[in-house]
């Protein structure tokens, strides 16, 4: 058994009295022993907790509060990079309740997965994914780094994560979490190999709810970190996220990355389908639920902030005719300007929009945001109408159609054009920084012992140094307010962050328009803790 696994106390406690009588450790006071044990690395700390009952008690006191440990390495050797980050995150006492790692496409995913699983023990839920870039503190220098890579060179369809010799996207960021009072596990969204076009979304929702009920007695998970699979044309995360948003209570936090590659290991062996011949894994969720068996140890809360980088441009339109091209997962449409009867082709629409940018030297990325009113349900319940905002990249236009990435648009859907905008993103980042400052100050006024103990960042690949013309902008709202607190993140192909807004359609106000999948945004997840004796 790996030393990071939870040890059985029976044999360790048997010689408790004998140990204290025959060694010099019997002379140590509890305070001195606490001081010594708190400086041990994680593996030695796990062994010390097995020495005797008194040591186990003090070890539990050392780890009485939740903790995140994270580290980044850019070494081109996966073995060296992994050793650096593992040595760093396990350099202090911690009992891994979960682990999240993100790597560049230059690392073989399965190789890294095996090495991390071996280091952290067989019972720790592990989720490893590829990313377009990573954010974190260097394992050797403690310097904060935001690193973006070029497009992945590896074959996204290769399950073993093999890469080409030319792929130089090398690096890893690893986060290990200890969250007493919560239960954490990895739950996959499966798709049967016999029905390759249909994800088992209802089963996914049921599995998440069942886990939450078994942990807390309530079908309300505290939070979900979700990773989608990059399989263009097979996996469309937009309707999946709409169903998950519909099915989960409003207080459940949902964040993550829309697409990449991933491998995972659940603490429940019945959920481990990596490499299965019966199922594909279309997405995977790291689910946090309150543990009803650990009352009285404090309260962990999750907080989410969203930095937006899109700016609306031009009038609103209503889709007149829509064609879906399944071969390249795209949509062709014509539209009417809101309040007008003339049907416009793609060239006419783009000419109107491009006139706005004629004095702009930048070439911003262009999207449309579509308000979609759709029936939604899970299981056998009666469908209910919901409204969501869905973004689609603009490919181009001609005298017939406007060409868009993605599918799911219908005749009669209203949409608005948006473009990437640096000033909007900087202003939004400032708002996030202010919100985090207010969170810190408000909580300190109520309770000086309340603390933020870690965070995650999911940022759009289009942002970063080139977008802002300066470094480390995405991490600044967090670092400015919580210096020294562990934080890690990735640059995504689509940022998941649960939010809502309002809009006006046909002169009437529509409230609670849901949006879980964003573009040119950064999503911030903060984890905070309040001791039990100080909760209100």
Protein backbone atom coordinates (compact mmCIF):
# COMPACT_ATOMS: atom_id res chain seq x y z
CA UNK A 1 0.00 0.00 0.00
CA UNK A 2 1.27 3.48 -0.87
CA UNK A 3 2.27 5.53 2.15
CA UNK A 4 -0.09 8.33 1.11
CA UNK A 5 -3.09 6.01 1.55
CA UNK A 6 -4.97 6.21 4.83
CA UNK A 7 -3.22 3.77 7.19
CA UNK A 8 -4.92 1.18 9.35
CA UNK A 9 -4.36 2.16 12.98
CA UNK A 10 -4.65 -1.28 14.59
CA UNK A 11 -1.04 -2.43 14.34
CA UNK A 12 0.39 1.08 14.73
CA UNK A 13 -1.36 1.76 18.03
CA UNK A 14 -0.55 -1.63 19.55
CA UNK A 15 2.83 -0.62 20.91
CA UNK A 16 1.86 2.90 21.96
CA UNK A 17 2.86 2.58 25.62
CA UNK A 18 6.03 0.65 24.82
CA UNK A 19 7.17 3.28 22.35
CA UNK A 20 6.75 6.14 24.78
CA UNK A 21 8.67 4.33 27.50
CA UNK A 22 11.62 3.21 25.36
CA UNK A 23 12.33 6.32 23.27
CA UNK A 24 13.30 9.92 23.94
CA UNK A 25 10.12 11.11 22.25
CA UNK A 26 8.31 10.53 25.56
CA UNK A 27 9.99 13.69 26.87
CA UNK A 28 8.55 15.91 24.13
CA UNK A 29 5.70 18.20 25.11
CA UNK A 30 2.65 18.36 22.87
CA UNK A 31 3.58 21.87 21.75
CA UNK A 32 7.09 20.84 20.79
CA UNK A 33 5.86 17.72 19.03
CA UNK A 34 3.27 19.81 17.17
CA UNK A 35 6.06 22.11 16.01
CA UNK A 36 8.18 19.17 14.81
CA UNK A 37 5.36 17.34 13.02
CA UNK A 38 4.13 20.48 11.27
CA UNK A 39 7.48 20.77 9.48
CA UNK A 40 7.49 17.24 8.06
CA UNK A 41 6.90 16.56 4.36
CA UNK A 42 3.59 14.87 3.57
CA UNK A 43 4.85 11.29 3.26
CA UNK A 44 6.79 11.45 6.55
CA UNK A 45 3.83 13.17 8.16
CA UNK A 46 1.55 10.29 7.07
CA UNK A 47 3.98 7.82 8.64
CA UNK A 48 4.19 9.84 11.85
CA UNK A 49 0.40 9.75 12.19
CA UNK A 50 0.67 5.95 12.41
CA UNK A 51 3.23 5.88 15.23
CA UNK A 52 0.81 6.03 18.16
CA UNK A 53 -2.51 7.50 19.28
CA UNK A 54 -0.99 10.64 20.76
CA UNK A 55 0.95 11.39 17.58
CA UNK A 56 -2.13 10.75 15.47
CA UNK A 57 -4.09 13.18 17.63
CA UNK A 58 -1.46 15.89 17.22
CA UNK A 59 -1.21 15.24 13.48
CA UNK A 60 -4.97 15.81 13.26
CA UNK A 61 -4.45 19.11 15.07
CA UNK A 62 -1.72 20.10 12.59
CA UNK A 63 -4.12 19.42 9.71
CA UNK A 64 -7.27 20.81 11.28
CA UNK A 65 -7.90 23.35 8.50
CA UNK A 66 -8.35 22.87 4.74
CA UNK A 67 -5.36 23.39 2.52
CA UNK A 68 -4.38 23.60 -1.14
CA UNK A 69 -0.84 23.06 -2.38
CA UNK A 70 0.11 23.81 -5.97
CA UNK A 71 3.25 24.07 -8.09
CA UNK A 72 4.30 24.58 -11.71
CA UNK A 73 7.27 23.25 -13.68
CA UNK A 74 8.34 23.98 -17.26
CA UNK A 75 11.11 21.40 -17.42
CA UNK A 76 10.92 19.61 -20.82
CA UNK A 77 11.39 16.22 -19.16
CA UNK A 78 8.07 14.91 -17.80
CA UNK A 79 9.90 12.88 -15.15
CA UNK A 80 11.84 15.90 -13.88
CA UNK A 81 8.87 18.27 -14.13
CA UNK A 82 6.64 15.86 -12.25
CA UNK A 83 9.26 15.31 -9.54
CA UNK A 84 9.59 19.05 -9.05
CA UNK A 85 5.87 19.70 -8.63
CA UNK A 86 5.20 16.59 -6.52
CA UNK A 87 8.14 17.34 -4.22
CA UNK A 88 6.83 20.89 -3.80
CA UNK A 89 3.16 20.11 -3.09
CA UNK A 90 4.16 17.30 -0.70
CA UNK A 91 6.89 19.31 1.04
CA UNK A 92 4.49 20.14 3.91
CA UNK A 93 1.86 18.13 5.78
CA UNK A 94 -1.17 17.39 3.62
CA UNK A 95 -3.56 14.48 3.13
CA UNK A 96 -4.62 14.48 -0.53
CA UNK A 97 -8.39 14.42 -0.91
CA UNK A 98 -8.10 15.22 -4.64
CA UNK A 99 -5.54 16.18 -7.26
CA UNK A 100 -5.87 18.22 -10.47
CA UNK A 101 -3.03 18.45 -12.97
CA UNK A 102 -2.80 20.18 -16.35
CA UNK A 103 -0.01 19.52 -18.83
CA UNK A 104 1.19 20.73 -22.19
CA UNK A 105 0.63 18.61 -25.27
CA UNK A 106 4.35 17.80 -25.27
CA UNK A 107 3.82 15.45 -22.32
CA UNK A 108 2.27 12.01 -22.74
CA UNK A 109 -0.92 12.19 -20.74
CA UNK A 110 -1.01 8.54 -19.72
CA UNK A 111 2.60 8.58 -18.55
CA UNK A 112 2.00 11.61 -16.32
CA UNK A 113 -1.25 10.09 -15.08
CA UNK A 114 0.48 6.89 -13.97
CA UNK A 115 3.30 8.75 -12.23
CA UNK A 116 0.95 11.05 -10.28
CA UNK A 117 -1.36 8.18 -9.32
CA UNK A 118 1.61 6.24 -7.99
CA UNK A 119 2.84 9.20 -5.94
CA UNK A 120 -0.51 10.16 -4.39
CA UNK A 121 -1.86 6.70 -3.56
CA UNK A 122 -4.61 4.52 -4.84
CA UNK A 123 -7.52 6.21 -3.05
CA UNK A 124 -6.99 9.80 -4.17
CA UNK A 125 -9.34 11.02 -6.96
CA UNK A 126 -7.10 12.28 -9.76
CA UNK A 127 -7.97 14.34 -12.85
CA UNK A 128 -5.32 15.20 -15.45
CA UNK A 129 -5.94 17.23 -18.60
CA UNK A 130 -4.11 18.92 -21.43
CA UNK A 131 -4.23 22.71 -21.60
CA UNK A 132 -3.29 25.54 -23.95
CA UNK A 133 -1.25 27.10 -21.16
CA UNK A 134 -0.77 26.99 -17.40
CA UNK A 135 -0.73 29.44 -14.49
CA UNK A 136 0.99 28.90 -11.16
CA UNK A 137 4.06 29.38 -9.00
CA UNK A 138 7.30 27.78 -10.10
CA UNK A 139 8.19 24.77 -7.94
CA UNK A 140 11.83 25.87 -7.63
CA UNK A 141 11.72 29.68 -7.58
CA UNK A 142 8.17 30.36 -6.31
CA UNK A 143 7.85 32.89 -9.16
CA UNK A 144 4.31 33.34 -10.48
CA UNK A 145 4.11 32.42 -14.17
CA UNK A 146 1.44 32.60 -16.86
CA UNK A 147 2.54 30.44 -19.79
CA UNK A 148 0.69 30.12 -23.10
CA UNK A 149 1.61 27.51 -25.69
CA UNK A 150 1.08 27.18 -29.41
CA UNK A 151 -1.63 24.83 -30.70
CA UNK A 152 -1.27 21.24 -29.54
CA UNK A 153 0.87 19.12 -31.86
CA UNK A 154 -0.23 15.80 -30.45
CA UNK A 155 -2.99 13.69 -31.97
CA UNK A 156 -6.12 14.52 -30.00
CA UNK A 157 -7.71 11.21 -30.92
CA UNK A 158 -4.85 9.14 -29.51
CA UNK A 159 -6.00 7.76 -26.17
CA UNK A 160 -2.50 7.19 -24.85
CA UNK A 161 -1.70 10.87 -25.32
CA UNK A 162 1.22 10.25 -27.69
CA UNK A 163 2.90 13.33 -29.12
CA UNK A 164 5.05 14.21 -32.07
CA UNK A 165 8.76 14.77 -31.67
CA UNK A 166 8.39 18.45 -32.60
CA UNK A 167 5.92 19.28 -29.82
CA UNK A 168 7.60 21.73 -27.44
CA UNK A 169 4.54 22.51 -25.31
CA UNK A 170 6.11 21.09 -22.16
CA UNK A 171 5.06 21.84 -18.60
CA UNK A 172 2.76 20.90 -15.77
CA UNK A 173 0.81 22.56 -12.97
CA UNK A 174 -0.34 20.33 -10.11
CA UNK A 175 -2.78 21.12 -7.29
CA UNK A 176 -3.46 18.83 -4.35
CA UNK A 177 -6.33 19.59 -1.98
CA UNK A 178 -7.13 18.69 1.62
CA UNK A 179 -10.76 19.64 2.34
CA UNK A 180 -12.03 18.27 5.67
CA UNK A 181 -15.80 18.51 5.86
CA UNK A 182 -16.18 17.69 2.18
CA UNK A 183 -16.18 14.55 0.11
CA UNK A 184 -14.66 14.73 -3.36
CA UNK A 185 -14.80 12.33 -6.27
CA UNK A 186 -14.44 12.16 -10.04
CA UNK A 187 -17.59 11.35 -12.05
CA UNK A 188 -17.49 10.84 -15.85
CA UNK A 189 -20.06 11.71 -18.50
CA UNK A 190 -20.22 8.54 -20.62
CA UNK A 191 -21.23 7.81 -24.20
CA UNK A 192 -21.88 4.23 -25.28
CA UNK A 193 -19.72 2.93 -28.13
CA UNK A 194 -22.93 1.41 -29.53
CA UNK A 195 -24.59 4.86 -29.74
CA UNK A 196 -21.64 7.15 -30.55
CA UNK A 197 -23.79 10.26 -31.11
CA UNK A 198 -25.57 10.32 -27.77
CA UNK A 199 -24.04 11.25 -24.41
CA UNK A 200 -25.67 9.73 -21.33
CA UNK A 201 -26.37 13.14 -19.76
CA UNK A 202 -29.29 11.98 -17.58
CA UNK A 203 -27.09 9.28 -16.07
CA UNK A 204 -24.36 11.88 -15.48
CA UNK A 205 -26.73 14.14 -13.56
CA UNK A 206 -28.06 11.16 -11.59
CA UNK A 207 -24.53 10.01 -10.69
CA UNK A 208 -23.64 13.49 -9.42
CA UNK A 209 -26.84 13.72 -7.36
CA UNK A 210 -26.37 10.21 -5.98
CA UNK A 211 -22.85 11.07 -4.87
CA UNK A 212 -24.06 14.28 -3.19
CA UNK A 213 -26.87 12.41 -1.43
CA UNK A 214 -24.53 9.69 -0.19
CA UNK A 215 -22.13 12.31 1.16
CA UNK A 216 -24.44 14.96 2.58
CA UNK A 217 -27.96 13.56 2.48
CA UNK A 218 -28.89 16.27 -0.05
CA UNK A 219 -28.82 16.24 -3.87
CA UNK A 220 -27.04 19.60 -3.84
CA UNK A 221 -23.30 19.37 -4.54
CA UNK A 222 -21.25 22.31 -3.33
CA UNK A 223 -19.33 22.62 -6.56
CA UNK A 224 -18.29 20.99 -9.83
CA UNK A 225 -15.04 21.44 -11.76
CA UNK A 226 -15.81 20.16 -15.25
CA UNK A 227 -13.55 19.22 -18.17
CA UNK A 228 -14.92 18.45 -21.63
CA UNK A 229 -13.29 16.28 -24.30
CA UNK A 230 -11.98 17.78 -27.55
CA UNK A 231 -13.84 15.72 -30.14
CA UNK A 232 -15.15 18.19 -32.70
CA UNK A 233 -18.48 17.12 -34.17
CA UNK A 234 -19.07 14.41 -31.56
CA UNK A 235 -19.21 16.30 -28.26
CA UNK A 236 -21.14 19.59 -28.06
CA UNK A 237 -20.78 20.86 -24.52
CA UNK A 238 -23.35 23.67 -24.89
CA UNK A 239 -26.51 21.51 -24.49
CA UNK A 240 -24.75 19.36 -21.89
CA UNK A 241 -23.98 22.45 -19.81
CA UNK A 242 -27.53 23.73 -20.25
CA UNK A 243 -28.89 20.48 -18.81
CA UNK A 244 -26.37 20.50 -15.97
CA UNK A 245 -27.22 24.14 -15.21
CA UNK A 246 -30.93 23.30 -15.28
CA UNK A 247 -30.57 20.23 -13.06
CA UNK A 248 -28.22 21.57 -10.38
CA UNK A 249 -29.40 23.90 -7.57
CA UNK A 250 -28.50 27.55 -8.13
CA UNK A 251 -26.05 27.49 -5.23
CA UNK A 252 -23.93 24.79 -6.89
CA UNK A 253 -20.79 26.30 -8.41
CA UNK A 254 -19.85 25.06 -11.91
CA UNK A 255 -16.50 26.00 -13.49
CA UNK A 256 -14.00 24.37 -15.83
CA UNK A 257 -12.66 23.92 -19.37
CA UNK A 258 -14.90 23.10 -22.35
CA UNK A 259 -12.45 21.00 -24.32
CA UNK A 260 -9.13 19.24 -24.04
CA UNK A 261 -7.99 15.71 -23.36
CA UNK A 262 -8.17 14.12 -19.96
CA UNK A 263 -7.59 10.99 -17.91
CA UNK A 264 -9.08 10.38 -14.51
CA UNK A 265 -9.32 8.01 -11.59
CA UNK A 266 -12.34 7.93 -9.30
CA UNK A 267 -12.29 6.84 -5.69
CA UNK A 268 -15.17 4.57 -6.69
CA UNK A 269 -13.85 1.81 -8.96
CA UNK A 270 -17.24 1.39 -10.64
CA UNK A 271 -16.80 4.87 -12.19
CA UNK A 272 -13.38 4.23 -13.75
CA UNK A 273 -13.98 3.87 -17.49
CA UNK A 274 -10.68 5.17 -18.91
CA UNK A 275 -9.75 2.82 -21.73
CA UNK A 276 -13.14 1.08 -21.63
CA UNK A 277 -14.30 -0.72 -24.78
CA UNK A 278 -17.94 -0.09 -23.86
CA UNK A 279 -17.90 3.66 -23.20
CA UNK A 280 -16.24 6.90 -24.24
CA UNK A 281 -15.84 9.63 -21.62
CA UNK A 282 -17.19 12.89 -23.10
CA UNK A 283 -16.54 14.95 -19.96
CA UNK A 284 -15.47 14.44 -16.39
CA UNK A 285 -16.49 16.29 -13.22
CA UNK A 286 -14.62 16.72 -9.97
CA UNK A 287 -17.56 16.95 -7.57
CA UNK A 288 -17.44 18.52 -4.08
CA UNK A 289 -20.19 17.63 -1.58
CA UNK A 290 -20.54 18.31 2.12
CA UNK A 291 -19.74 15.36 4.38
CA UNK A 292 -22.51 14.80 6.94
CA UNK A 293 -20.20 12.54 8.96
CA UNK A 294 -17.79 15.37 9.82
CA UNK A 295 -19.96 17.98 11.52
CA UNK A 296 -18.41 20.61 13.75
CA UNK A 297 -15.11 21.13 11.92
CA UNK A 298 -15.94 24.31 10.04
CA UNK A 299 -17.44 25.44 6.77
CA UNK A 300 -15.86 25.55 3.31
CA UNK A 301 -17.41 27.93 0.79
CA UNK A 302 -16.82 28.39 -2.92
CA UNK A 303 -16.88 31.81 -4.60
CA UNK A 304 -16.88 32.53 -8.36
CA UNK A 305 -15.99 35.70 -10.26
CA UNK A 306 -16.16 36.24 -14.03
CA UNK A 307 -13.99 38.65 -16.02
CA UNK A 308 -15.53 39.35 -19.44
CA UNK A 309 -13.54 40.24 -22.55
CA UNK A 310 -16.28 40.68 -25.17
CA UNK A 311 -17.94 43.93 -26.24
CA UNK A 312 -21.31 44.10 -28.02
CA UNK A 313 -21.34 45.73 -31.45
CA UNK A 314 -24.03 46.56 -33.99
CA UNK A 315 -27.80 45.94 -33.89
CA UNK A 316 -29.62 42.79 -32.85
CA UNK A 317 -30.64 40.26 -35.47
CA UNK A 318 -33.22 37.49 -35.82
CA UNK A 319 -32.25 34.30 -37.65
CA UNK A 320 -34.36 33.97 -40.82
CA UNK A 321 -33.10 30.70 -42.31
CA UNK A 322 -30.64 28.29 -40.71
CA UNK A 323 -28.72 25.37 -42.17
CA UNK A 324 -26.55 22.99 -40.15
CA UNK A 325 -23.45 21.45 -41.72
CA UNK A 326 -22.72 18.28 -39.75
CA UNK A 327 -19.52 17.51 -41.66
CA UNK A 328 -17.62 20.44 -40.13
CA UNK A 329 -19.91 21.18 -37.17
CA UNK A 330 -20.89 24.60 -38.51
CA UNK A 331 -24.02 26.70 -39.11
CA UNK A 332 -25.02 28.76 -42.18
CA UNK A 333 -27.69 31.41 -41.76
CA UNK A 334 -29.39 34.54 -43.03
CA UNK A 335 -31.02 37.06 -40.71
CA UNK A 336 -33.19 40.15 -40.33
CA UNK A 337 -32.12 43.18 -38.38
CA UNK A 338 -34.42 43.54 -35.39
CA UNK A 339 -37.55 45.46 -36.38
CA UNK A 340 -36.82 45.15 -40.12
CA UNK A 341 -38.32 42.84 -42.77
CA UNK A 342 -35.43 42.61 -45.26
CA UNK A 343 -33.49 39.35 -45.15
CA UNK A 344 -29.72 39.93 -45.09
CA UNK A 345 -27.03 37.60 -46.40
CA UNK A 346 -23.72 37.06 -44.68
CA UNK A 347 -21.82 39.68 -46.69
CA UNK A 348 -24.39 42.42 -45.97
CA UNK A 349 -24.36 41.61 -42.26
CA UNK A 350 -20.55 41.57 -42.01
CA UNK A 351 -20.21 44.79 -44.01
CA UNK A 352 -22.41 46.56 -41.47
CA UNK A 353 -20.43 45.15 -38.55
CA UNK A 354 -17.00 45.77 -40.12
CA UNK A 355 -17.85 49.42 -40.70
CA UNK A 356 -17.60 49.83 -36.92
CA UNK A 357 -13.95 48.71 -37.05
CA UNK A 358 -12.78 50.81 -40.02
CA UNK A 359 -10.78 53.15 -37.77
CA UNK A 360 -9.53 50.31 -35.58
CA UNK A 361 -6.04 48.96 -36.32
CA UNK A 362 -6.72 45.80 -34.33
CA UNK A 363 -8.36 42.73 -35.86
CA UNK A 364 -10.58 41.49 -33.07
CA UNK A 365 -12.13 38.03 -33.00
CA UNK A 366 -15.82 38.14 -33.84
CA UNK A 367 -18.66 36.14 -32.28
CA UNK A 368 -22.41 36.13 -32.11
CA UNK A 369 -24.24 35.61 -28.82
CA UNK A 370 -27.49 33.74 -29.42
CA UNK A 371 -30.44 33.82 -27.05
CA UNK A 372 -31.82 30.28 -27.19
CA UNK A 373 -35.23 29.41 -25.71
CA UNK A 374 -35.36 25.65 -25.38
CA UNK A 375 -37.27 23.01 -23.47
CA UNK A 376 -35.08 21.28 -20.94
CA UNK A 377 -35.61 18.30 -18.67
CA UNK A 378 -33.85 15.40 -17.01
CA UNK A 379 -35.17 11.88 -16.61
CA UNK A 380 -38.94 11.55 -16.97
CA UNK A 381 -39.87 15.00 -15.67
CA UNK A 382 -41.94 17.42 -17.73
CA UNK A 383 -39.81 19.72 -19.94
CA UNK A 384 -39.52 23.37 -18.90
CA UNK A 385 -38.61 26.33 -21.09
CA UNK A 386 -35.29 27.99 -20.28
CA UNK A 387 -33.33 30.79 -21.97
CA UNK A 388 -29.58 30.58 -22.42
CA UNK A 389 -26.90 32.72 -24.05
CA UNK A 390 -24.64 30.76 -26.40
CA UNK A 391 -21.58 32.11 -28.23
CA UNK A 392 -20.55 31.04 -31.75
CA UNK A 393 -17.40 32.11 -33.55
CA UNK A 394 -17.86 33.93 -36.87
CA UNK A 395 -16.02 32.19 -39.72
CA UNK A 396 -17.05 34.50 -42.57
CA UNK A 397 -19.85 35.44 -44.93
CA UNK A 398 -20.76 35.67 -48.61
CA UNK A 399 -23.72 36.60 -50.78
CA UNK A 400 -25.63 33.58 -49.44
CA UNK A 401 -24.88 32.96 -45.78
CA UNK A 402 -23.16 33.99 -42.57
CA UNK A 403 -20.91 31.10 -41.53
CA UNK A 404 -20.52 30.21 -37.86
CA UNK A 405 -18.76 27.65 -35.71
CA UNK A 406 -20.97 25.20 -33.85
CA UNK A 407 -24.56 24.09 -34.18
CA UNK A 408 -27.82 24.44 -32.26
CA UNK A 409 -29.15 27.72 -33.72
CA UNK A 410 -32.77 27.75 -34.92
CA UNK A 411 -34.96 29.97 -37.07
CA UNK A 412 -36.28 32.85 -34.96
CA UNK A 413 -33.36 32.92 -32.50
CA UNK A 414 -32.17 36.44 -31.68
CA UNK A 415 -28.47 37.21 -31.69
CA UNK A 416 -26.01 40.06 -31.13
CA UNK A 417 -22.47 40.47 -32.46
CA UNK A 418 -19.57 40.66 -30.00
CA UNK A 419 -15.87 41.25 -30.47
CA UNK A 420 -12.84 40.68 -28.29
CA UNK A 421 -11.80 43.90 -26.56
CA UNK A 422 -8.78 44.53 -24.37
CA UNK A 423 -10.22 47.58 -22.58
CA UNK A 424 -13.38 45.65 -21.67
CA UNK A 425 -11.27 42.83 -20.27
CA UNK A 426 -9.07 45.20 -18.24
CA UNK A 427 -12.11 46.98 -16.80
CA UNK A 428 -13.70 43.64 -15.96
CA UNK A 429 -10.48 42.45 -14.32
CA UNK A 430 -10.54 45.60 -12.18
CA UNK A 431 -14.12 44.83 -11.15
CA UNK A 432 -13.10 41.29 -10.21
CA UNK A 433 -10.20 42.63 -8.15
CA UNK A 434 -12.57 45.01 -6.34
CA UNK A 435 -15.07 42.21 -5.66
CA UNK A 436 -12.31 40.05 -4.22
CA UNK A 437 -11.13 42.96 -2.08
CA UNK A 438 -14.67 43.47 -0.79
CA UNK A 439 -14.96 39.75 -0.08
CA UNK A 440 -11.76 39.86 1.93
CA UNK A 441 -12.69 43.00 3.85
CA UNK A 442 -16.30 41.97 4.50
CA UNK A 443 -15.29 38.60 5.85
CA UNK A 444 -12.54 40.11 8.00
CA UNK A 445 -15.01 42.53 9.53
CA UNK A 446 -17.30 39.65 10.42
CA UNK A 447 -14.65 37.19 11.42
CA UNK A 448 -10.89 37.64 11.59
CA UNK A 449 -10.39 33.87 11.38
CA UNK A 450 -12.17 33.46 8.04
CA UNK A 451 -9.64 32.81 5.29
CA UNK A 452 -9.33 32.14 1.56
CA UNK A 453 -7.04 29.12 1.32
CA UNK A 454 -6.75 28.63 -2.44
CA UNK A 455 -8.03 29.32 -5.90
CA UNK A 456 -8.26 28.25 -9.54
CA UNK A 457 -8.28 30.33 -12.74
CA UNK A 458 -9.78 29.27 -16.10
CA UNK A 459 -8.81 31.83 -18.73
CA UNK A 460 -9.46 32.05 -22.46
CA UNK A 461 -6.53 31.09 -24.67
CA UNK A 462 -7.05 34.33 -26.62
CA UNK A 463 -6.17 36.40 -23.56
CA UNK A 464 -2.78 36.54 -21.85
CA UNK A 465 0.39 38.49 -22.60
CA UNK A 466 -0.21 39.11 -26.33
CA UNK A 467 -3.77 40.32 -25.69
CA UNK A 468 -2.81 42.76 -22.89
CA UNK A 469 0.76 43.61 -24.01
CA UNK A 470 1.97 42.81 -20.51
CA UNK A 471 2.50 39.79 -18.28
CA UNK A 472 0.53 38.15 -15.47
CA UNK A 473 -2.71 40.11 -15.91
CA UNK A 474 -5.05 37.12 -15.43
CA UNK A 475 -3.69 36.18 -12.01
CA UNK A 476 -3.40 39.75 -10.71
CA UNK A 477 -6.95 40.10 -9.24
CA UNK A 478 -6.31 37.04 -7.07
CA UNK A 479 -2.66 37.70 -6.20
CA UNK A 480 -3.23 41.37 -5.31
CA UNK A 481 -5.84 40.42 -2.73
CA UNK A 482 -4.49 37.10 -1.50
CA UNK A 483 -0.69 37.18 -1.78
CA UNK A 484 0.93 33.92 -0.75
CA UNK A 485 -2.31 31.94 -1.09
CA UNK A 486 -1.93 28.96 -3.49
CA UNK A 487 -3.44 29.54 -6.91
CA UNK A 488 -3.22 27.63 -10.18
CA UNK A 489 -4.93 27.83 -13.53
CA UNK A 490 -5.03 27.07 -17.22
CA UNK A 491 -5.65 28.74 -20.55
CA UNK A 492 -8.75 27.10 -22.02
CA UNK A 493 -10.46 26.37 -25.29
CA UNK A 494 -13.75 27.47 -23.69
CA UNK A 495 -14.25 28.78 -20.16
CA UNK A 496 -17.00 27.24 -18.05
CA UNK A 497 -18.45 29.50 -15.37
CA UNK A 498 -22.05 29.50 -14.23
CA UNK A 499 -23.66 32.95 -14.48
CA UNK A 500 -26.88 34.73 -15.44
CA UNK A 501 -27.87 38.04 -17.00
CA UNK A 502 -30.90 39.79 -18.51
CA UNK A 503 -31.83 40.91 -22.01
CA UNK A 504 -34.62 42.58 -23.96
CA UNK A 505 -36.34 40.67 -26.77
CA UNK A 506 -39.18 42.15 -28.87
CA UNK A 507 -39.36 45.07 -26.44
CA UNK A 508 -39.92 42.80 -23.44
CA UNK A 509 -37.46 42.17 -20.63
CA UNK A 510 -36.22 38.61 -20.26
CA UNK A 511 -34.68 37.84 -16.90
CA UNK A 512 -32.41 35.03 -15.81
CA UNK A 513 -30.74 34.26 -19.14
CA UNK A 514 -28.33 31.53 -18.24
CA UNK A 515 -24.77 31.33 -19.51
CA UNK A 516 -22.29 28.63 -18.53
CA UNK A 517 -19.88 28.68 -21.46
CA UNK A 518 -17.93 31.85 -22.24
CA UNK A 519 -15.34 33.20 -24.67
CA UNK A 520 -12.57 35.72 -24.03
CA UNK A 521 -13.27 35.49 -20.31
CA UNK A 522 -11.49 34.44 -17.15
CA UNK A 523 -13.30 32.48 -14.43
CA UNK A 524 -12.01 32.66 -10.86
CA UNK A 525 -12.86 30.02 -8.26
CA UNK A 526 -11.97 30.82 -4.65
CA UNK A 527 -12.17 28.41 -1.72
CA UNK A 528 -12.64 29.85 1.78
CA UNK A 529 -12.97 28.42 5.27
CA UNK A 530 -14.59 29.45 8.55
CA UNK A 531 -13.85 27.45 11.74
CA UNK A 532 -16.87 25.79 13.35
CA UNK A 533 -16.78 27.83 16.54
CA UNK A 534 -16.95 31.07 14.52
CA UNK A 535 -19.72 30.28 12.04
CA UNK A 536 -22.83 32.45 12.12
